[in-house]
C-alpha cells in the first residue's frame, strides 16, 4: 500500500483534530461548571508513569506535523510546548492543521520507499520506509495520544461519549 494522497490523508487528521478541539471545549465547560482550575486537568494523568493530558495533545499534534514533514523531505517542526490553557492547545491544533495543509503531498506520496530516520523516546532511533512509517508509526501513535487525551478527560468526569472521539466521521460514505 502506498502513502495516501492529500485528499485521503488530510481528513484522517482533520476529523480527529476537530474532535479534540470539541472535547477541549467540553473540558473548559466542565472545569468552569465545577470551579476547577483547568491547569489541574492539563496535568492530570491516568497512571503515575503516564504523560499528562497536555503532553498527550502536544504529542498528538507533533506526530502528523513532524512525520509528514519528514516524508515531504522538510525539517520537522520544533514546538516550544509552552501551552498553559485549553485555548492555547486549540491554537496548537489549528497551527498543526495549517502546516500539514501546506506540505508537498506529491513528495509525501512519492516517499514510499525512502528510508525515514526518527527518534523513539529519549534514547532510541527508528528507521522505516516511508509507507511503513506512515502506516505503522504516525497513524497508530497519533490515535493513541488522541485516545489517551479523551480517556483522561473522561476519567476526570467530563461527559464524553464515543461520538465525541469520532467527531465528524462521514458515516454516509459511498
Protein backbone atom coordinates (compact mmCIF):
# COMPACT_ATOMS: atom_id res chain seq x y z
CA UNK A 1 0.00 0.00 0.00
CA UNK A 2 1.33 3.40 -0.86
CA UNK A 3 1.05 6.54 1.21
CA UNK A 4 -2.26 8.24 0.65
CA UNK A 5 -2.82 11.37 -1.37
CA UNK A 6 -3.52 14.73 0.22
CA UNK A 7 -7.28 14.25 -0.26
CA UNK A 8 -7.09 10.91 1.54
CA UNK A 9 -4.58 11.89 4.25
CA UNK A 10 -5.83 15.29 5.45
CA UNK A 11 -9.25 14.03 6.65
CA UNK A 12 -7.52 11.44 8.86
CA UNK A 13 -6.05 14.26 10.90
CA UNK A 14 -8.71 16.96 10.35
CA UNK A 15 -11.57 14.87 11.71
CA UNK A 16 -9.73 13.83 14.85
CA UNK A 17 -8.25 17.28 15.48
CA UNK A 18 -11.69 18.87 15.21
CA UNK A 19 -12.99 16.25 17.65
CA UNK A 20 -10.11 17.06 20.02
CA UNK A 21 -10.96 20.77 19.84
CA UNK A 22 -14.56 19.92 20.73
CA UNK A 23 -13.53 17.83 23.73
CA UNK A 24 -11.21 20.65 24.83
CA UNK A 25 -14.27 22.93 24.79
CA UNK A 26 -16.16 20.40 26.89
CA UNK A 27 -13.25 20.25 29.32
CA UNK A 28 -13.32 24.03 29.69
CA UNK A 29 -17.09 23.98 30.34
CA UNK A 30 -16.64 21.13 32.80
CA UNK A 31 -13.90 22.92 34.73
CA UNK A 32 -15.91 26.16 34.86
CA UNK A 33 -19.09 24.42 36.00
CA UNK A 34 -17.19 22.62 38.78
CA UNK A 35 -14.98 25.61 39.64
CA UNK A 36 -11.86 23.56 38.84
CA UNK A 37 -8.70 25.31 37.67
CA UNK A 38 -8.15 23.92 34.16
CA UNK A 39 -4.42 23.60 34.83
CA UNK A 40 -5.32 20.70 37.14
CA UNK A 41 -6.88 18.90 34.18
CA UNK A 42 -3.93 19.80 31.93
CA UNK A 43 -1.59 17.99 34.34
CA UNK A 44 -3.90 15.04 35.02
CA UNK A 45 -2.77 11.53 34.08
CA UNK A 46 -4.31 8.08 34.39
CA UNK A 47 -1.23 6.49 35.95
CA UNK A 48 1.85 7.87 37.71
CA UNK A 49 4.18 6.83 34.87
CA UNK A 50 1.90 8.21 32.14
CA UNK A 51 2.29 11.56 30.41
CA UNK A 52 -0.26 14.19 31.47
CA UNK A 53 -3.19 15.37 29.38
CA UNK A 54 -1.35 18.40 28.00
CA UNK A 55 1.51 16.22 26.67
CA UNK A 56 -1.00 13.86 25.04
CA UNK A 57 -2.35 16.75 22.96
CA UNK A 58 1.12 18.12 22.24
CA UNK A 59 2.36 14.73 21.02
CA UNK A 60 -0.83 14.15 19.01
CA UNK A 61 -0.06 17.39 17.15
CA UNK A 62 3.66 16.66 16.83
CA UNK A 63 3.22 13.26 15.20
CA UNK A 64 1.50 14.27 11.95
CA UNK A 65 3.30 17.60 11.56
CA UNK A 66 6.75 16.08 12.09
CA UNK A 67 6.06 12.76 10.42
CA UNK A 68 4.53 14.22 7.28
CA UNK A 69 7.27 16.88 7.16
CA UNK A 70 9.90 14.12 7.17
CA UNK A 71 8.04 12.32 4.39
CA UNK A 72 7.91 15.57 2.39
CA UNK A 73 11.67 15.99 2.80
CA UNK A 74 11.23 19.01 5.10
CA UNK A 75 12.70 19.53 8.54
CA UNK A 76 10.41 18.55 11.43
CA UNK A 77 8.87 21.47 13.32
CA UNK A 78 10.10 22.04 16.84
CA UNK A 79 7.42 23.46 19.12
CA UNK A 80 8.12 25.07 22.46
CA UNK A 81 5.46 23.03 24.29
CA UNK A 82 4.63 26.05 26.41
CA UNK A 83 0.83 25.94 26.32
CA UNK A 84 -0.79 26.79 29.63
CA UNK A 85 -4.51 26.52 28.85
CA UNK A 86 -7.04 24.70 26.68
CA UNK A 87 -7.36 27.65 24.28
CA UNK A 88 -3.63 27.52 23.57
CA UNK A 89 -3.93 23.80 22.85
CA UNK A 90 -6.71 24.58 20.37
CA UNK A 91 -4.42 27.14 18.71
CA UNK A 92 -1.71 24.49 18.50
CA UNK A 93 -4.15 22.15 16.76
CA UNK A 94 -5.11 24.91 14.29
CA UNK A 95 -1.44 25.68 13.59
CA UNK A 96 -0.75 21.98 13.04
CA UNK A 97 -3.57 21.66 10.52
CA UNK A 98 -2.41 24.77 8.64
CA UNK A 99 1.13 23.43 8.42
CA UNK A 100 0.01 19.99 7.24
CA UNK A 101 -2.16 21.51 4.52
CA UNK A 102 0.87 23.40 3.15
CA UNK A 103 3.12 20.35 2.82
CA UNK A 104 4.05 18.98 -0.61
CA UNK A 105 1.88 15.87 -0.79
CA UNK A 106 3.41 14.84 -4.11
CA UNK A 107 6.68 14.34 -2.22
CA UNK A 108 4.86 12.64 0.64
CA UNK A 109 3.14 10.21 -1.71
CA UNK A 110 6.44 9.57 -3.52
CA UNK A 111 8.28 8.81 -0.27
CA UNK A 112 7.01 5.23 -0.15
CA UNK A 113 10.44 3.59 -0.38
CA UNK A 114 12.58 6.33 1.17
CA UNK A 115 14.22 5.45 4.50
CA UNK A 116 12.97 7.64 7.31
CA UNK A 117 15.03 8.01 10.49
CA UNK A 118 13.20 9.20 13.59
CA UNK A 119 13.54 9.46 17.34
CA UNK A 120 11.88 6.84 19.53
CA UNK A 121 11.80 8.25 23.02
CA UNK A 122 14.81 9.91 24.57
CA UNK A 123 17.50 7.44 23.51
CA UNK A 124 16.32 5.18 20.69
CA UNK A 125 16.36 5.73 16.95
CA UNK A 126 13.94 4.18 14.45
CA UNK A 127 14.24 3.59 10.72
CA UNK A 128 11.40 2.62 8.38
CA UNK A 129 10.50 3.01 4.75
CA UNK A 130 8.14 5.93 4.15
CA UNK A 131 4.97 3.89 3.72
CA UNK A 132 5.70 1.80 6.82
CA UNK A 133 6.48 4.92 8.82
CA UNK A 134 3.13 6.45 7.82
CA UNK A 135 1.05 3.31 8.41
CA UNK A 136 2.77 1.76 11.41
CA UNK A 137 4.16 4.74 13.29
CA UNK A 138 2.44 8.05 12.53
CA UNK A 139 -1.17 6.86 12.33
CA UNK A 140 -1.28 4.49 15.35
CA UNK A 141 0.69 6.86 17.57
CA UNK A 142 -1.50 9.79 16.56
CA UNK A 143 -4.64 7.87 17.51
CA UNK A 144 -3.05 6.53 20.70
CA UNK A 145 -2.32 10.01 22.05
CA UNK A 146 -5.68 11.39 20.92
CA UNK A 147 -7.40 8.46 22.65
CA UNK A 148 -5.36 8.98 25.83
CA UNK A 149 -6.39 12.65 25.91
CA UNK A 150 -10.03 11.54 25.56
CA UNK A 151 -9.61 8.89 28.28
CA UNK A 152 -8.03 11.34 30.73
CA UNK A 153 -10.89 13.80 30.30
CA UNK A 154 -13.43 11.01 30.62
CA UNK A 155 -11.74 9.83 33.80
CA UNK A 156 -11.85 13.39 35.19
CA UNK A 157 -15.62 13.34 34.76
CA UNK A 158 -16.02 15.29 31.52
CA UNK A 159 -19.17 13.95 29.88
CA UNK A 160 -17.88 12.40 26.68
CA UNK A 161 -19.03 9.52 24.56
CA UNK A 162 -17.64 7.59 21.64
CA UNK A 163 -19.20 10.05 19.20
CA UNK A 164 -17.13 12.83 20.80
CA UNK A 165 -13.95 10.94 19.94
CA UNK A 166 -15.09 10.00 16.45
CA UNK A 167 -16.08 13.59 15.72
CA UNK A 168 -17.31 14.29 12.22
CA UNK A 169 -16.52 10.97 10.59
CA UNK A 170 -18.63 10.87 7.44
CA UNK A 171 -20.88 7.84 8.02
CA UNK A 172 -22.71 8.01 4.71
CA UNK A 173 -19.69 7.26 2.55
CA UNK A 174 -20.25 5.60 -0.78
